[in-house]
Amino acid sequence: MRTELKNQFPMYPTLLDSLTKGKILADPDVPFVSPKLNDIMELNIQSALRGAIQPKNALENMEKSFTEVISSTGIIKK
């Protein structure tokens, strides 16, 4: 069963390893847009874990999307 789960969810060992080494959990908390920022972060992290995009590209995508979403609220200017 354990091997079957590893085959079905190959990203979990990497995710577990990163969680055991991380000291800070990123949780963007911006009024009115936090759920959208969390969705952007989750989508990009999952894409990187699946190997669909490189981690660097995931971070770049998140930065660009975060800036656009937060700027749309008027909280910050581009």
N, C-alpha and C. Protein backbone atom coordinates (compact mmCIF):
# COMPACT_ATOMS: atom_id res chain seq x y z
N MET A 1 0.83 -1.19 0.00
CA MET A 1 0.00 0.00 0.00
C MET A 1 0.87 1.25 0.00
N ARG A 2 1.91 1.28 0.80
CA ARG A 2 2.77 2.46 0.89
C ARG A 2 3.41 2.78 -0.46
N THR A 3 3.92 1.78 -1.17
CA THR A 3 4.52 1.98 -2.49
C THR A 3 3.47 2.49 -3.46
N GLU A 4 2.27 1.95 -3.35
CA GLU A 4 1.18 2.40 -4.22
C GLU A 4 0.89 3.88 -4.01
N LEU A 5 0.88 4.33 -2.77
CA LEU A 5 0.65 5.74 -2.47
C LEU A 5 1.78 6.61 -3.00
N LYS A 6 3.03 6.13 -2.86
CA LYS A 6 4.17 6.89 -3.37
C LYS A 6 4.07 7.04 -4.89
N ASN A 7 3.61 5.98 -5.56
CA ASN A 7 3.46 6.03 -7.02
C ASN A 7 2.32 6.97 -7.41
N GLN A 8 1.26 6.96 -6.62
CA GLN A 8 0.10 7.79 -6.92
C GLN A 8 0.36 9.27 -6.62
N PHE A 9 1.12 9.54 -5.57
CA PHE A 9 1.40 10.91 -5.14
C PHE A 9 2.90 11.12 -5.00
N PRO A 10 3.63 11.18 -6.11
CA PRO A 10 5.10 11.24 -6.04
C PRO A 10 5.64 12.51 -5.40
N MET A 11 4.80 13.55 -5.32
CA MET A 11 5.32 14.80 -4.75
C MET A 11 5.29 14.81 -3.23
N TYR A 12 4.59 13.89 -2.60
CA TYR A 12 4.45 13.92 -1.15
C TYR A 12 5.75 13.75 -0.37
N PRO A 13 6.65 12.85 -0.77
CA PRO A 13 7.92 12.77 -0.02
C PRO A 13 8.69 14.08 -0.06
N THR A 14 8.70 14.76 -1.20
CA THR A 14 9.38 16.05 -1.31
C THR A 14 8.69 17.10 -0.46
N LEU A 15 7.36 17.10 -0.50
CA LEU A 15 6.60 18.05 0.31
C LEU A 15 6.86 17.82 1.79
N LEU A 16 6.85 16.58 2.23
CA LEU A 16 7.13 16.26 3.63
C LEU A 16 8.53 16.71 4.01
N ASP A 17 9.48 16.45 3.15
CA ASP A 17 10.86 16.87 3.42
C ASP A 17 10.95 18.38 3.57
N SER A 18 10.28 19.12 2.68
CA SER A 18 10.35 20.58 2.77
C SER A 18 9.65 21.10 4.02
N LEU A 19 8.57 20.46 4.43
CA LEU A 19 7.87 20.90 5.64
C LEU A 19 8.70 20.67 6.90
N THR A 20 9.50 19.62 6.91
CA THR A 20 10.32 19.34 8.09
C THR A 20 11.52 20.28 8.18
N LYS A 21 11.89 20.91 7.07
CA LYS A 21 13.05 21.80 7.08
C LYS A 21 12.67 23.27 7.16
N GLY A 22 11.45 23.59 6.83
CA GLY A 22 11.01 24.99 6.81
C GLY A 22 10.85 25.56 8.21
N LYS A 23 11.22 26.80 8.37
CA LYS A 23 11.07 27.46 9.66
C LYS A 23 9.90 28.43 9.63
N ILE A 24 9.50 28.86 8.44
CA ILE A 24 8.41 29.81 8.31
C ILE A 24 7.44 29.29 7.26
N LEU A 25 6.17 29.32 7.58
CA LEU A 25 5.15 28.94 6.62
C LEU A 25 4.56 30.21 6.02
N ALA A 26 4.68 30.34 4.72
CA ALA A 26 4.16 31.53 4.05
C ALA A 26 2.64 31.47 4.01
N ASP A 27 2.03 32.51 4.50
CA ASP A 27 0.57 32.61 4.48
C ASP A 27 0.21 34.06 4.20
N PRO A 28 0.05 34.39 2.90
CA PRO A 28 -0.23 35.78 2.58
C PRO A 28 -1.56 36.23 3.17
N ASP A 29 -1.55 37.31 3.92
CA ASP A 29 -2.76 37.82 4.53
C ASP A 29 -2.94 39.28 4.12
N VAL A 30 -3.67 39.47 3.05
CA VAL A 30 -3.94 40.80 2.53
C VAL A 30 -5.47 40.95 2.50
N PRO A 31 -5.98 41.99 3.15
CA PRO A 31 -7.43 42.16 3.18
C PRO A 31 -8.07 42.05 1.80
N PHE A 32 -9.16 41.35 1.72
CA PHE A 32 -10.00 41.20 0.52
C PHE A 32 -9.46 40.25 -0.53
N VAL A 33 -8.17 39.95 -0.55
CA VAL A 33 -7.63 39.13 -1.62
C VAL A 33 -6.85 37.90 -1.13
N SER A 34 -6.83 37.66 0.16
CA SER A 34 -6.06 36.51 0.67
C SER A 34 -6.44 35.19 0.02
N PRO A 35 -7.74 34.89 -0.17
CA PRO A 35 -8.07 33.62 -0.82
C PRO A 35 -7.50 33.52 -2.24
N LYS A 36 -7.53 34.61 -2.97
CA LYS A 36 -6.99 34.60 -4.33
C LYS A 36 -5.48 34.39 -4.31
N LEU A 37 -4.78 35.04 -3.38
CA LEU A 37 -3.33 34.87 -3.26
C LEU A 37 -2.99 33.43 -2.88
N ASN A 38 -3.76 32.85 -1.99
CA ASN A 38 -3.54 31.45 -1.61
C ASN A 38 -3.74 30.53 -2.81
N ASP A 39 -4.75 30.80 -3.64
CA ASP A 39 -4.98 29.99 -4.84
C ASP A 39 -3.80 30.08 -5.80
N ILE A 40 -3.29 31.30 -5.99
CA ILE A 40 -2.14 31.50 -6.88
C ILE A 40 -0.93 30.73 -6.36
N MET A 41 -0.69 30.84 -5.07
CA MET A 41 0.45 30.16 -4.46
C MET A 41 0.30 28.64 -4.59
N GLU A 42 -0.88 28.13 -4.28
CA GLU A 42 -1.10 26.68 -4.35
C GLU A 42 -0.93 26.16 -5.77
N LEU A 43 -1.49 26.85 -6.74
CA LEU A 43 -1.38 26.43 -8.14
C LEU A 43 0.07 26.35 -8.58
N ASN A 44 0.85 27.37 -8.26
CA ASN A 44 2.25 27.40 -8.69
C ASN A 44 3.11 26.38 -7.95
N ILE A 45 2.88 26.20 -6.67
CA ILE A 45 3.64 25.20 -5.92
C ILE A 45 3.33 23.80 -6.43
N GLN A 46 2.06 23.51 -6.65
CA GLN A 46 1.68 22.20 -7.18
C GLN A 46 2.29 21.96 -8.56
N SER A 47 2.29 22.99 -9.41
CA SER A 47 2.88 22.86 -10.74
C SER A 47 4.37 22.55 -10.66
N ALA A 48 5.05 23.21 -9.72
CA ALA A 48 6.48 22.96 -9.55
C ALA A 48 6.73 21.56 -8.99
N LEU A 49 5.91 21.13 -8.03
CA LEU A 49 6.08 19.79 -7.46
C LEU A 49 5.82 18.69 -8.49
N ARG A 50 4.90 18.94 -9.40
CA ARG A 50 4.60 17.96 -10.46
C ARG A 50 5.64 17.99 -11.56
N GLY A 51 6.48 19.02 -11.58
CA GLY A 51 7.51 19.14 -12.62
C GLY A 51 6.99 19.82 -13.87
N ALA A 52 5.80 20.40 -13.81
CA ALA A 52 5.24 21.09 -14.97
C ALA A 52 5.97 22.40 -15.24
N ILE A 53 6.48 23.04 -14.20
CA ILE A 53 7.29 24.25 -14.35
C ILE A 53 8.46 24.18 -13.37
N GLN A 54 9.48 24.96 -13.64
CA GLN A 54 10.63 25.02 -12.76
C GLN A 54 10.29 25.84 -11.51
N PRO A 55 10.86 25.52 -10.36
CA PRO A 55 10.58 26.29 -9.15
C PRO A 55 10.82 27.79 -9.32
N LYS A 56 11.87 28.15 -10.04
CA LYS A 56 12.15 29.57 -10.26
C LYS A 56 11.00 30.23 -11.02
N ASN A 57 10.46 29.53 -12.02
CA ASN A 57 9.34 30.08 -12.78
C ASN A 57 8.08 30.18 -11.91
N ALA A 58 7.89 29.23 -11.02
CA ALA A 58 6.75 29.28 -10.12
C ALA A 58 6.83 30.53 -9.24
N LEU A 59 8.02 30.80 -8.71
CA LEU A 59 8.21 31.99 -7.87
C LEU A 59 8.00 33.27 -8.68
N GLU A 60 8.50 33.30 -9.90
CA GLU A 60 8.31 34.48 -10.75
C GLU A 60 6.82 34.69 -11.06
N ASN A 61 6.12 33.59 -11.35
CA ASN A 61 4.68 33.67 -11.62
C ASN A 61 3.93 34.20 -10.39
N MET A 62 4.30 33.69 -9.22
CA MET A 62 3.64 34.14 -7.99
C MET A 62 3.90 35.62 -7.76
N GLU A 63 5.14 36.05 -7.92
CA GLU A 63 5.47 37.46 -7.70
C GLU A 63 4.64 38.35 -8.62
N LYS A 64 4.60 38.01 -9.90
CA LYS A 64 3.85 38.81 -10.87
C LYS A 64 2.37 38.83 -10.53
N SER A 65 1.80 37.66 -10.26
CA SER A 65 0.37 37.57 -9.96
C SER A 65 0.02 38.26 -8.66
N PHE A 66 0.85 38.07 -7.63
CA PHE A 66 0.61 38.74 -6.34
C PHE A 66 0.59 40.26 -6.54
N THR A 67 1.57 40.77 -7.27
CA THR A 67 1.66 42.22 -7.49
C THR A 67 0.42 42.73 -8.21
N GLU A 68 -0.03 41.99 -9.23
CA GLU A 68 -1.22 42.40 -9.98
C GLU A 68 -2.46 42.40 -9.10
N VAL A 69 -2.64 41.33 -8.34
CA VAL A 69 -3.83 41.21 -7.49
C VAL A 69 -3.83 42.28 -6.40
N ILE A 70 -2.72 42.43 -5.72
CA ILE A 70 -2.64 43.41 -4.63
C ILE A 70 -2.77 44.83 -5.17
N SER A 71 -2.16 45.10 -6.33
CA SER A 71 -2.27 46.43 -6.93
C SER A 71 -3.71 46.74 -7.32
N SER A 72 -4.47 45.72 -7.71
CA SER A 72 -5.86 45.96 -8.11
C SER A 72 -6.73 46.43 -6.94
N THR A 73 -6.26 46.23 -5.71
CA THR A 73 -7.01 46.67 -4.54
C THR A 73 -6.73 48.12 -4.20
N GLY A 74 -5.64 48.67 -4.73
CA GLY A 74 -5.25 50.03 -4.42
C GLY A 74 -4.38 50.11 -3.17
N ILE A 75 -4.07 48.95 -2.57
CA ILE A 75 -3.23 48.93 -1.38
C ILE A 75 -1.81 49.38 -1.71
N ILE A 76 -1.28 48.91 -2.84
CA ILE A 76 0.04 49.34 -3.30
C ILE A 76 -0.07 49.75 -4.76
N LYS A 77 0.88 50.48 -5.20
CA LYS A 77 0.94 50.89 -6.61
C LYS A 77 2.07 50.12 -7.29
N LYS A 78 1.88 49.80 -8.55
CA LYS A 78 2.91 49.10 -9.32
C LYS A 78 4.10 49.98 -9.53
